[in-house]
Amino acid sequence: MHTLTRTPTTEMEVTSIRLERELKEKLKELSGNQGYQALIRDILWNYVQQRSSEYSPSVSRSEIRATIAAIAQQEEQCALTGKTIHPNESMFLGLTLNGVMIPLSLDSLG
């Protein structure tokens, strides 16, 4: 998850985005006391971080609930070790406590 210093909203740029009413309601439900706009910012920061070259997941083995055998379809990076997983290479998909699927190299759990 992106760790950021909370910027006061007065220092943020105003951006308009159109959301389906149902999506907005679901985001409000999920956000709790955080507020749905803060949740959207967190989601966007996480996406940007994952797509950037600086991405280094911080997941511990204790956060993995289950694993599923898989074959990489594209280059991945093991969420535990940072090791590169090449296309067509055997790997695991790990299900975290938060319900997120993460790539794992075969030797990362041993």
PDB file of N, CA and C in Angstrom:
ATOM      1  N   MET A   1       0.838  -1.174   0.000  1.00  0.00           N
ATOM      2  CA  MET A   1       0.000   0.000   0.000  1.00  0.00           C
ATOM      3  C   MET A   1       0.880   1.233   0.000  1.00  0.00           C
ATOM      4  N   HIS A   2       0.463   2.242  -0.724  1.00  0.00           N
ATOM      5  CA  HIS A   2       1.235   3.477  -0.826  1.00  0.00           C
ATOM      6  C   HIS A   2       1.219   4.188   0.518  1.00  0.00           C
ATOM      7  N   THR A   3       2.395   4.508   1.018  1.00  0.00           N
ATOM      8  CA  THR A   3       2.495   5.278   2.241  1.00  0.00           C
ATOM      9  C   THR A   3       2.731   6.719   1.847  1.00  0.00           C
ATOM     10  N   LEU A   4       1.793   7.575   2.182  1.00  0.00           N
ATOM     11  CA  LEU A   4       1.968   8.956   1.828  1.00  0.00           C
ATOM     12  C   LEU A   4       1.579   9.834   2.994  1.00  0.00           C
ATOM     13  N   THR A   5       2.204  10.977   3.036  1.00  0.00           N
ATOM     14  CA  THR A   5       1.827  11.965   4.013  1.00  0.00           C
ATOM     15  C   THR A   5       0.521  12.550   3.534  1.00  0.00           C
ATOM     16  N   ARG A   6      -0.440  12.631   4.402  1.00  0.00           N
ATOM     17  CA  ARG A   6      -1.738  13.157   3.996  1.00  0.00           C
ATOM     18  C   ARG A   6      -1.613  14.626   3.633  1.00  0.00           C
ATOM     19  N   THR A   7      -1.913  14.932   2.391  1.00  0.00           N
ATOM     20  CA  THR A   7      -1.882  16.301   1.899  1.00  0.00           C
ATOM     21  C   THR A   7      -3.206  16.956   2.248  1.00  0.00           C
ATOM     22  N   PRO A   8      -3.162  18.160   2.799  1.00  0.00           N
ATOM     23  CA  PRO A   8      -4.437  18.853   3.058  1.00  0.00           C
ATOM     24  C   PRO A   8      -5.202  19.031   1.753  1.00  0.00           C
ATOM     25  N   THR A   9      -6.495  18.870   1.805  1.00  0.00           N
ATOM     26  CA  THR A   9      -7.295  18.968   0.580  1.00  0.00           C
ATOM     27  C   THR A   9      -7.181  20.339  -0.061  1.00  0.00           C
ATOM     28  N   THR A  10      -6.858  21.364   0.712  1.00  0.00           N
ATOM     29  CA  THR A  10      -6.687  22.705   0.136  1.00  0.00           C
ATOM     30  C   THR A  10      -5.480  22.771  -0.792  1.00  0.00           C
ATOM     31  N   GLU A  11      -4.546  21.817  -0.667  1.00  0.00           N
ATOM     32  CA  GLU A  11      -3.360  21.786  -1.523  1.00  0.00           C
ATOM     33  C   GLU A  11      -3.505  20.819  -2.699  1.00  0.00           C
ATOM     34  N   MET A  12      -4.664  20.180  -2.828  1.00  0.00           N
ATOM     35  CA  MET A  12      -4.900  19.238  -3.922  1.00  0.00           C
ATOM     36  C   MET A  12      -5.575  19.943  -5.083  1.00  0.00           C
ATOM     37  N   GLU A  13      -5.376  19.388  -6.281  1.00  0.00           N
ATOM     38  CA  GLU A  13      -6.076  19.893  -7.455  1.00  0.00           C
ATOM     39  C   GLU A  13      -7.453  19.260  -7.527  1.00  0.00           C
ATOM     40  N   VAL A  14      -8.422  20.040  -7.930  1.00  0.00           N
ATOM     41  CA  VAL A  14      -9.778  19.539  -8.105  1.00  0.00           C
ATOM     42  C   VAL A  14      -9.865  18.855  -9.460  1.00  0.00           C
ATOM     43  N   THR A  15     -10.369  17.627  -9.467  1.00  0.00           N
ATOM     44  CA  THR A  15     -10.550  16.857 -10.692  1.00  0.00           C
ATOM     45  C   THR A  15     -11.951  16.283 -10.685  1.00  0.00           C
ATOM     46  N   SER A  16     -12.594  16.341 -11.805  1.00  0.00           N
ATOM     47  CA  SER A  16     -13.933  15.792 -11.923  1.00  0.00           C
ATOM     48  C   SER A  16     -13.841  14.413 -12.568  1.00  0.00           C
ATOM     49  N   ILE A  17     -14.553  13.465 -11.999  1.00  0.00           N
ATOM     50  CA  ILE A  17     -14.599  12.116 -12.568  1.00  0.00           C
ATOM     51  C   ILE A  17     -16.048  11.643 -12.505  1.00  0.00           C
ATOM     52  N   ARG A  18     -16.485  11.019 -13.540  1.00  0.00           N
ATOM     53  CA  ARG A  18     -17.856  10.507 -13.580  1.00  0.00           C
ATOM     54  C   ARG A  18     -17.830   9.025 -13.188  1.00  0.00           C
ATOM     55  N   LEU A  19     -18.650   8.696 -12.218  1.00  0.00           N
ATOM     56  CA  LEU A  19     -18.767   7.324 -11.737  1.00  0.00           C
ATOM     57  C   LEU A  19     -20.217   6.887 -11.834  1.00  0.00           C
ATOM     58  N   GLU A  20     -20.421   5.622 -12.117  1.00  0.00           N
ATOM     59  CA  GLU A  20     -21.772   5.095 -12.060  1.00  0.00           C
ATOM     60  C   GLU A  20     -22.276   5.244 -10.622  1.00  0.00           C
ATOM     61  N   ARG A  21     -23.540   5.531 -10.465  1.00  0.00           N
ATOM     62  CA  ARG A  21     -24.127   5.722  -9.130  1.00  0.00           C
ATOM     63  C   ARG A  21     -23.872   4.498  -8.237  1.00  0.00           C
ATOM     64  N   GLU A  22     -24.038   3.300  -8.812  1.00  0.00           N
ATOM     65  CA  GLU A  22     -23.831   2.068  -8.040  1.00  0.00           C
ATOM     66  C   GLU A  22     -22.382   1.957  -7.566  1.00  0.00           C
ATOM     67  N   LEU A  23     -21.415   2.307  -8.433  1.00  0.00           N
ATOM     68  CA  LEU A  23     -20.007   2.262  -8.051  1.00  0.00           C
ATOM     69  C   LEU A  23     -19.731   3.237  -6.908  1.00  0.00           C
ATOM     70  N   LYS A  24     -20.256   4.434  -7.021  1.00  0.00           N
ATOM     71  CA  LYS A  24     -20.051   5.444  -5.977  1.00  0.00           C
ATOM     72  C   LYS A  24     -20.630   4.954  -4.647  1.00  0.00           C
ATOM     73  N   GLU A  25     -21.785   4.353  -4.670  1.00  0.00           N
ATOM     74  CA  GLU A  25     -22.400   3.832  -3.441  1.00  0.00           C
ATOM     75  C   GLU A  25     -21.568   2.702  -2.837  1.00  0.00           C
ATOM     76  N   LYS A  26     -21.053   1.816  -3.700  1.00  0.00           N
ATOM     77  CA  LYS A  26     -20.201   0.719  -3.216  1.00  0.00           C
ATOM     78  C   LYS A  26     -18.922   1.282  -2.586  1.00  0.00           C
ATOM     79  N   LEU A  27     -18.317   2.290  -3.221  1.00  0.00           N
ATOM     80  CA  LEU A  27     -17.114   2.916  -2.657  1.00  0.00           C
ATOM     81  C   LEU A  27     -17.417   3.554  -1.307  1.00  0.00           C
ATOM     82  N   LYS A  28     -18.566   4.178  -1.175  1.00  0.00           N
ATOM     83  CA  LYS A  28     -18.951   4.775   0.107  1.00  0.00           C
ATOM     84  C   LYS A  28     -19.088   3.699   1.178  1.00  0.00           C
ATOM     85  N   GLU A  29     -19.696   2.566   0.815  1.00  0.00           N
ATOM     86  CA  GLU A  29     -19.843   1.455   1.763  1.00  0.00           C
ATOM     87  C   GLU A  29     -18.486   0.933   2.212  1.00  0.00           C
ATOM     88  N   LEU A  30     -17.575   0.765   1.248  1.00  0.00           N
ATOM     89  CA  LEU A  30     -16.255   0.209   1.541  1.00  0.00           C
ATOM     90  C   LEU A  30     -15.358   1.160   2.321  1.00  0.00           C
ATOM     91  N   SER A  31     -15.562   2.441   2.137  1.00  0.00           N
ATOM     92  CA  SER A  31     -14.638   3.419   2.715  1.00  0.00           C
ATOM     93  C   SER A  31     -14.829   3.651   4.204  1.00  0.00           C
ATOM     94  N   GLY A  32     -16.016   3.384   4.720  1.00  0.00           N
ATOM     95  CA  GLY A  32     -16.252   3.605   6.146  1.00  0.00           C
ATOM     96  C   GLY A  32     -15.996   5.050   6.527  1.00  0.00           C
ATOM     97  N   ASN A  33     -15.273   5.255   7.617  1.00  0.00           N
ATOM     98  CA  ASN A  33     -14.986   6.600   8.117  1.00  0.00           C
ATOM     99  C   ASN A  33     -13.959   7.347   7.266  1.00  0.00           C
ATOM    100  N   GLN A  34     -13.242   6.618   6.401  1.00  0.00           N
ATOM    101  CA  GLN A  34     -12.192   7.213   5.589  1.00  0.00           C
ATOM    102  C   GLN A  34     -12.767   8.177   4.546  1.00  0.00           C
ATOM    103  N   GLY A  35     -13.954   7.894   4.049  1.00  0.00           N
ATOM    104  CA  GLY A  35     -14.531   8.690   2.975  1.00  0.00           C
ATOM    105  C   GLY A  35     -14.158   8.101   1.625  1.00  0.00           C
ATOM    106  N   TYR A  36     -15.100   8.135   0.699  1.00  0.00           N
ATOM    107  CA  TYR A  36     -14.859   7.455  -0.580  1.00  0.00           C
ATOM    108  C   TYR A  36     -13.830   8.166  -1.445  1.00  0.00           C
ATOM    109  N   GLN A  37     -13.696   9.487  -1.331  1.00  0.00           N
ATOM    110  CA  GLN A  37     -12.687  10.172  -2.136  1.00  0.00           C
ATOM    111  C   GLN A  37     -11.281   9.795  -1.686  1.00  0.00           C
ATOM    112  N   ALA A  38     -11.074   9.669  -0.379  1.00  0.00           N
ATOM    113  CA  ALA A  38      -9.771   9.226   0.138  1.00  0.00           C
ATOM    114  C   ALA A  38      -9.495   7.789  -0.308  1.00  0.00           C
ATOM    115  N   LEU A  39     -10.532   6.945  -0.318  1.00  0.00           N
ATOM    116  CA  LEU A  39     -10.372   5.569  -0.786  1.00  0.00           C
ATOM    117  C   LEU A  39      -9.966   5.551  -2.257  1.00  0.00           C
ATOM    118  N   ILE A  40     -10.608   6.378  -3.076  1.00  0.00           N
ATOM    119  CA  ILE A  40     -10.258   6.448  -4.504  1.00  0.00           C
ATOM    120  C   ILE A  40      -8.806   6.888  -4.662  1.00  0.00           C
ATOM    121  N   ARG A  41      -8.360   7.868  -3.882  1.00  0.00           N
ATOM    122  CA  ARG A  41      -6.953   8.305  -3.957  1.00  0.00           C
ATOM    123  C   ARG A  41      -6.015   7.157  -3.582  1.00  0.00           C
ATOM    124  N   ASP A  42      -6.345   6.417  -2.515  1.00  0.00           N
ATOM    125  CA  ASP A  42      -5.515   5.271  -2.115  1.00  0.00           C
ATOM    126  C   ASP A  42      -5.453   4.218  -3.216  1.00  0.00           C
ATOM    127  N   ILE A  43      -6.591   3.932  -3.834  1.00  0.00           N
ATOM    128  CA  ILE A  43      -6.640   2.949  -4.921  1.00  0.00           C
ATOM    129  C   ILE A  43      -5.770   3.414  -6.083  1.00  0.00           C
ATOM    130  N   LEU A  44      -5.873   4.683  -6.430  1.00  0.00           N
ATOM    131  CA  LEU A  44      -5.078   5.212  -7.540  1.00  0.00           C
ATOM    132  C   LEU A  44      -3.591   5.217  -7.210  1.00  0.00           C
ATOM    133  N   TRP A  45      -3.213   5.585  -5.990  1.00  0.00           N
ATOM    134  CA  TRP A  45      -1.795   5.547  -5.602  1.00  0.00           C
ATOM    135  C   TRP A  45      -1.258   4.125  -5.656  1.00  0.00           C
ATOM    136  N   ASN A  46      -2.046   3.155  -5.194  1.00  0.00           N
ATOM    137  CA  ASN A  46      -1.620   1.753  -5.250  1.00  0.00           C
ATOM    138  C   ASN A  46      -1.398   1.313  -6.693  1.00  0.00           C
ATOM    139  N   TYR A  47      -2.305   1.701  -7.578  1.00  0.00           N
ATOM    140  CA  TYR A  47      -2.168   1.351  -8.989  1.00  0.00           C
ATOM    141  C   TYR A  47      -0.897   1.962  -9.575  1.00  0.00           C
ATOM    142  N   VAL A  48      -0.662   3.242  -9.313  1.00  0.00           N
ATOM    143  CA  VAL A  48       0.525   3.925  -9.818  1.00  0.00           C
ATOM    144  C   VAL A  48       1.786   3.259  -9.277  1.00  0.00           C
ATOM    145  N   GLN A  49       1.793   2.934  -7.995  1.00  0.00           N
ATOM    146  CA  GLN A  49       2.969   2.298  -7.391  1.00  0.00           C
ATOM    147  C   GLN A  49       3.239   0.939  -8.034  1.00  0.00           C
ATOM    148  N   GLN A  50       2.202   0.139  -8.242  1.00  0.00           N
ATOM    149  CA  GLN A  50       2.378  -1.187  -8.822  1.00  0.00           C
ATOM    150  C   GLN A  50       2.888  -1.113 -10.254  1.00  0.00           C
ATOM    151  N   ARG A  51       2.534  -0.076 -10.982  1.00  0.00           N
ATOM    152  CA  ARG A  51       2.950   0.078 -12.378  1.00  0.00           C
ATOM    153  C   ARG A  51       4.306   0.746 -12.517  1.00  0.00           C
ATOM    154  N   SER A  52       4.815   1.314 -11.438  1.00  0.00           N
ATOM    155  CA  SER A  52       6.093   2.022 -11.523  1.00  0.00           C
ATOM    156  C   SER A  52       7.257   1.050 -11.377  1.00  0.00           C
ATOM    157  N   SER A  53       8.411   1.479 -11.824  1.00  0.00           N
ATOM    158  CA  SER A  53       9.607   0.647 -11.741  1.00  0.00           C
ATOM    159  C   SER A  53      10.129   0.556 -10.309  1.00  0.00           C
ATOM    160  N   GLU A  54       9.631   1.396  -9.413  1.00  0.00           N
ATOM    161  CA  GLU A  54      10.096   1.409  -8.028  1.00  0.00           C
ATOM    162  C   GLU A  54       9.301   0.464  -7.143  1.00  0.00           C
ATOM    163  N   TYR A  55       8.323  -0.239  -7.713  1.00  0.00           N
ATOM    164  CA  TYR A  55       7.426  -1.060  -6.905  1.00  0.00           C
ATOM    165  C   TYR A  55       8.168  -2.179  -6.200  1.00  0.00           C
ATOM    166  N   SER A  56       8.017  -2.240  -4.907  1.00  0.00           N
ATOM    167  CA  SER A  56       8.558  -3.347  -4.129  1.00  0.00           C
ATOM    168  C   SER A  56       7.522  -3.729  -3.078  1.00  0.00           C
ATOM    169  N   PRO A  57       6.797  -4.797  -3.338  1.00  0.00           N
ATOM    170  CA  PRO A  57       5.739  -5.210  -2.423  1.00  0.00           C
ATOM    171  C   PRO A  57       6.291  -5.493  -1.034  1.00  0.00           C
ATOM    172  N   SER A  58       5.504  -5.174  -0.050  1.00  0.00           N
ATOM    173  CA  SER A  58       5.907  -5.469   1.324  1.00  0.00           C
ATOM    174  C   SER A  58       4.873  -6.420   1.926  1.00  0.00           C
ATOM    175  N   VAL A  59       5.003  -7.670   1.564  1.00  0.00           N
ATOM    176  CA  VAL A  59       4.100  -8.711   2.041  1.00  0.00           C
ATOM    177  C   VAL A  59       4.933  -9.708   2.820  1.00  0.00           C
ATOM    178  N   SER A  60       4.409 -10.149   3.938  1.00  0.00           N
ATOM    179  CA  SER A  60       5.111 -11.180   4.690  1.00  0.00           C
ATOM    180  C   SER A  60       4.422 -12.522   4.471  1.00  0.00           C
ATOM    181  N   ARG A  61       5.162 -13.569   4.692  1.00  0.00           N
ATOM    182  CA  ARG A  61       4.627 -14.925   4.486  1.00  0.00           C
ATOM    183  C   ARG A  61       3.383 -15.178   5.348  1.00  0.00           C
ATOM    184  N   SER A  62       3.346 -14.570   6.536  1.00  0.00           N
ATOM    185  CA  SER A  62       2.214 -14.770   7.448  1.00  0.00           C
ATOM    186  C   SER A  62       0.921 -14.155   6.918  1.00  0.00           C
ATOM    187  N   GLU A  63       1.012 -13.286   5.910  1.00  0.00           N
ATOM    188  CA  GLU A  63      -0.174 -12.661   5.330  1.00  0.00           C
ATOM    189  C   GLU A  63      -0.807 -13.496   4.220  1.00  0.00           C
ATOM    190  N   ILE A  64      -0.180 -14.622   3.871  1.00  0.00           N
ATOM    191  CA  ILE A  64      -0.680 -15.457   2.775  1.00  0.00           C
ATOM    192  C   ILE A  64      -1.583 -16.549   3.330  1.00  0.00           C
ATOM    193  N   ARG A  65      -2.840 -16.554   2.878  1.00  0.00           N
ATOM    194  CA  ARG A  65      -3.840 -17.514   3.353  1.00  0.00           C
ATOM    195  C   ARG A  65      -3.816 -18.814   2.579  1.00  0.00           C
ATOM    196  N   ALA A  66      -3.532 -18.722   1.282  1.00  0.00           N
ATOM    197  CA  ALA A  66      -3.586 -19.910   0.422  1.00  0.00           C
ATOM    198  C   ALA A  66      -2.743 -19.647  -0.817  1.00  0.00           C
ATOM    199  N   THR A  67      -2.339 -20.737  -1.482  1.00  0.00           N
ATOM    200  CA  THR A  67      -1.611 -20.609  -2.741  1.00  0.00           C
ATOM    201  C   THR A  67      -2.249 -21.496  -3.798  1.00  0.00           C
ATOM    202  N   ILE A  68      -2.105 -21.064  -5.032  1.00  0.00           N
ATOM    203  CA  ILE A  68      -2.631 -21.799  -6.178  1.00  0.00           C
ATOM    204  C   ILE A  68      -1.492 -21.909  -7.184  1.00  0.00           C
ATOM    205  N   ALA A  69      -1.252 -23.098  -7.717  1.00  0.00           N
ATOM    206  CA  ALA A  69      -0.239 -23.286  -8.750  1.00  0.00           C
ATOM    207  C   ALA A  69      -0.683 -22.562 -10.015  1.00  0.00           C
ATOM    208  N   ALA A  70       0.270 -21.926 -10.680  1.00  0.00           N
ATOM    209  CA  ALA A  70      -0.045 -21.160 -11.883  1.00  0.00           C
ATOM    210  C   ALA A  70       1.157 -21.142 -12.821  1.00  0.00           C
ATOM    211  N   ILE A  71       0.931 -20.667 -14.020  1.00  0.00           N
ATOM    212  CA  ILE A  71       1.977 -20.450 -15.018  1.00  0.00           C
ATOM    213  C   ILE A  71       1.959 -18.958 -15.365  1.00  0.00           C
ATOM    214  N   ALA A  72       3.092 -18.304 -15.255  1.00  0.00           N
ATOM    215  CA  ALA A  72       3.169 -16.875 -15.558  1.00  0.00           C
ATOM    216  C   ALA A  72       2.866 -16.637 -17.031  1.00  0.00           C
ATOM    217  N   GLN A  73       2.013 -15.708 -17.336  1.00  0.00           N
ATOM    218  CA  GLN A  73       1.683 -15.337 -18.704  1.00  0.00           C
ATOM    219  C   GLN A  73       2.534 -14.164 -19.177  1.00  0.00           C
ATOM    220  N   GLN A  74       3.101 -13.454 -18.202  1.00  0.00           N
ATOM    221  CA  GLN A  74       3.981 -12.323 -18.492  1.00  0.00           C
ATOM    222  C   GLN A  74       5.003 -12.252 -17.370  1.00  0.00           C
ATOM    223  N   GLU A  75       5.985 -11.395 -17.514  1.00  0.00           N
ATOM    224  CA  GLU A  75       6.993 -11.270 -16.463  1.00  0.00           C
ATOM    225  C   GLU A  75       6.343 -10.721 -15.197  1.00  0.00           C
ATOM    226  N   GLU A  76       6.642 -11.364 -14.088  1.00  0.00           N
ATOM    227  CA  GLU A  76       6.108 -10.972 -12.778  1.00  0.00           C
ATOM    228  C   GLU A  76       7.270 -10.833 -11.815  1.00  0.00           C
ATOM    229  N   GLN A  77       6.996 -10.259 -10.671  1.00  0.00           N
ATOM    230  CA  GLN A  77       7.999 -10.147  -9.625  1.00  0.00           C
ATOM    231  C   GLN A  77       7.423 -10.762  -8.361  1.00  0.00           C
ATOM    232  N   CYS A  78       8.156 -11.705  -7.760  1.00  0.00           N
ATOM    233  CA  CYS A  78       7.692 -12.372  -6.552  1.00  0.00           C
ATOM    234  C   CYS A  78       7.467 -11.338  -5.455  1.00  0.00           C
ATOM    235  N   ALA A  79       6.291 -11.381  -4.847  1.00  0.00           N
ATOM    236  CA  ALA A  79       5.928 -10.406  -3.816  1.00  0.00           C
ATOM    237  C   ALA A  79       6.705 -10.602  -2.518  1.00  0.00           C
ATOM    238  N   LEU A  80       7.302 -11.767  -2.324  1.00  0.00           N
ATOM    239  CA  LEU A  80       8.071 -12.008  -1.101  1.00  0.00           C
ATOM    240  C   LEU A  80       9.558 -11.762  -1.279  1.00  0.00           C
ATOM    241  N   THR A  81      10.098 -12.186  -2.423  1.00  0.00           N
ATOM    242  CA  THR A  81      11.554 -12.127  -2.605  1.00  0.00           C
ATOM    243  C   THR A  81      12.004 -11.083  -3.617  1.00  0.00           C
ATOM    244  N   GLY A  82      11.081 -10.624  -4.462  1.00  0.00           N
ATOM    245  CA  GLY A  82      11.451  -9.697  -5.524  1.00  0.00           C
ATOM    246  C   GLY A  82      12.035 -10.387  -6.743  1.00  0.00           C
ATOM    247  N   LYS A  83      12.191 -11.708  -6.680  1.00  0.00           N
ATOM    248  CA  LYS A  83      12.751 -12.486  -7.787  1.00  0.00           C
ATOM    249  C   LYS A  83      11.845 -12.388  -9.019  1.00  0.00           C
ATOM    250  N   THR A  84      12.463 -12.281 -10.184  1.00  0.00           N
ATOM    251  CA  THR A  84      11.710 -12.214 -11.434  1.00  0.00           C
ATOM    252  C   THR A  84      11.152 -13.592 -11.771  1.00  0.00           C
ATOM    253  N   ILE A  85       9.898 -13.615 -12.163  1.00  0.00           N
ATOM    254  CA  ILE A  85       9.226 -14.824 -12.645  1.00  0.00           C
ATOM    255  C   ILE A  85       8.987 -14.580 -14.136  1.00  0.00           C
ATOM    256  N   HIS A  86       9.560 -15.426 -14.972  1.00  0.00           N
ATOM    257  CA  HIS A  86       9.515 -15.235 -16.421  1.00  0.00           C
ATOM    258  C   HIS A  86       8.245 -15.837 -17.030  1.00  0.00           C
ATOM    259  N   PRO A  87       7.842 -15.342 -18.204  1.00  0.00           N
ATOM    260  CA  PRO A  87       6.680 -15.918 -18.889  1.00  0.00           C
ATOM    261  C   PRO A  87       6.854 -17.424 -19.092  1.00  0.00           C
ATOM    262  N   ASN A  88       5.788 -18.162 -18.927  1.00  0.00           N
ATOM    263  CA  ASN A  88       5.718 -19.623 -19.059  1.00  0.00           C
ATOM    264  C   ASN A  88       6.424 -20.366 -17.930  1.00  0.00           C
ATOM    265  N   GLU A  89       6.862 -19.668 -16.910  1.00  0.00           N
ATOM    266  CA  GLU A  89       7.507 -20.291 -15.750  1.00  0.00           C
ATOM    267  C   GLU A  89       6.437 -20.640 -14.705  1.00  0.00           C
ATOM    268  N   SER A  90       6.616 -21.785 -14.046  1.00  0.00           N
ATOM    269  CA  SER A  90       5.704 -22.161 -12.969  1.00  0.00           C
ATOM    270  C   SER A  90       5.857 -21.185 -11.807  1.00  0.00           C
ATOM    271  N   MET A  91       4.749 -20.917 -11.151  1.00  0.00           N
ATOM    272  CA  MET A  91       4.728 -19.983 -10.032  1.00  0.00           C
ATOM    273  C   MET A  91       3.536 -20.314  -9.145  1.00  0.00           C
ATOM    274  N   PHE A  92       3.367 -19.571  -8.090  1.00  0.00           N
ATOM    275  CA  PHE A  92       2.169 -19.643  -7.265  1.00  0.00           C
ATOM    276  C   PHE A  92       1.480 -18.291  -7.301  1.00  0.00           C
ATOM    277  N   LEU A  93       0.177 -18.318  -7.132  1.00  0.00           N
ATOM    278  CA  LEU A  93      -0.574 -17.115  -6.824  1.00  0.00           C
ATOM    279  C   LEU A  93      -0.936 -17.235  -5.360  1.00  0.00           C
ATOM    280  N   GLY A  94      -0.574 -16.254  -4.583  1.00  0.00           N
ATOM    281  CA  GLY A  94      -0.868 -16.275  -3.155  1.00  0.00           C
ATOM    282  C   GLY A  94      -2.052 -15.390  -2.850  1.00  0.00           C
ATOM    283  N   LEU A  95      -2.989 -15.898  -2.071  1.00  0.00           N
ATOM    284  CA  LEU A  95      -4.148 -15.129  -1.632  1.00  0.00           C
ATOM    285  C   LEU A  95      -3.819 -14.533  -0.277  1.00  0.00           C
ATOM    286  N   THR A  96      -3.817 -13.208  -0.175  1.00  0.00           N
ATOM    287  CA  THR A  96      -3.463 -12.548   1.081  1.00  0.00           C
ATOM    288  C   THR A  96      -4.678 -12.437   2.002  1.00  0.00           C
ATOM    289  N   LEU A  97      -4.416 -12.043   3.224  1.00  0.00           N
ATOM    290  CA  LEU A  97      -5.486 -11.825   4.199  1.00  0.00           C
ATOM    291  C   LEU A  97      -6.473 -10.773   3.719  1.00  0.00           C
ATOM    292  N   ASN A  98      -6.004  -9.857   2.860  1.00  0.00           N
ATOM    293  CA  ASN A  98      -6.863  -8.792   2.324  1.00  0.00           C
ATOM    294  C   ASN A  98      -7.613  -9.221   1.073  1.00  0.00           C
ATOM    295  N   GLY A  99      -7.430 -10.474   0.660  1.00  0.00           N
ATOM    296  CA  GLY A  99      -8.128 -10.968  -0.517  1.00  0.00           C
ATOM    297  C   GLY A  99      -7.479 -10.591  -1.835  1.00  0.00           C
ATOM    298  N   VAL A 100      -6.201 -10.221  -1.789  1.00  0.00           N
ATOM    299  CA  VAL A 100      -5.464  -9.847  -2.988  1.00  0.00           C
ATOM    300  C   VAL A 100      -4.611 -11.028  -3.446  1.00  0.00           C
ATOM    301  N   MET A 101      -4.610 -11.274  -4.764  1.00  0.00           N
ATOM    302  CA  MET A 101      -3.768 -12.321  -5.336  1.00  0.00           C
ATOM    303  C   MET A 101      -2.414 -11.712  -5.687  1.00  0.00           C
ATOM    304  N   ILE A 102      -1.337 -12.352  -5.222  1.00  0.00           N
ATOM    305  CA  ILE A 102       0.018 -11.847  -5.471  1.00  0.00           C
ATOM    306  C   ILE A 102       0.859 -12.936  -6.116  1.00  0.00           C
ATOM    307  N   PRO A 103       1.810 -12.553  -6.992  1.00  0.00           N
ATOM    308  CA  PRO A 103       2.689 -13.549  -7.610  1.00  0.00           C
ATOM    309  C   PRO A 103       3.764 -14.011  -6.631  1.00  0.00           C
ATOM    310  N   LEU A 104       4.035 -15.314  -6.638  1.00  0.00           N
ATOM    311  CA  LEU A 104       5.064 -15.899  -5.763  1.00  0.00           C
ATOM    312  C   LEU A 104       5.918 -16.862  -6.570  1.00  0.00           C
ATOM    313  N   SER A 105       7.231 -16.777  -6.392  1.00  0.00           N
ATOM    314  CA  SER A 105       8.119 -17.748  -7.036  1.00  0.00           C
ATOM    315  C   SER A 105       7.989 -19.069  -6.292  1.00  0.00           C
ATOM    316  N   LEU A 106       8.328 -20.167  -6.967  1.00  0.00           N
ATOM    317  CA  LEU A 106       8.178 -21.493  -6.363  1.00  0.00           C
ATOM    318  C   LEU A 106       9.022 -21.653  -5.096  1.00  0.00           C
ATOM    319  N   ASP A 107      10.191 -21.026  -5.055  1.00  0.00           N
ATOM    320  CA  ASP A 107      11.067 -21.198  -3.900  1.00  0.00           C
ATOM    321  C   ASP A 107      10.844 -20.164  -2.782  1.00  0.00           C
ATOM    322  N   SER A 108       9.871 -19.311  -2.937  1.00  0.00           N
ATOM    323  CA  SER A 108       9.649 -18.235  -1.950  1.00  0.00           C
ATOM    324  C   SER A 108       8.993 -18.716  -0.665  1.00  0.00           C
ATOM    325  N   LEU A 109       8.339 -19.857  -0.697  1.00  0.00           N
ATOM    326  CA  LEU A 109       7.632 -20.341   0.486  1.00  0.00           C
ATOM    327  C   LEU A 109       8.385 -21.414   1.249  1.00  0.00           C
ATOM    328  N   GLY A 110       9.507 -21.880   0.667  1.00  0.00           N
ATOM    329  CA  GLY A 110      10.252 -22.986   1.262  1.00  0.00           C
ATOM    330  C   GLY A 110      11.231 -22.631   2.323  1.00  0.00           C
TER     331      GLY A 110
END
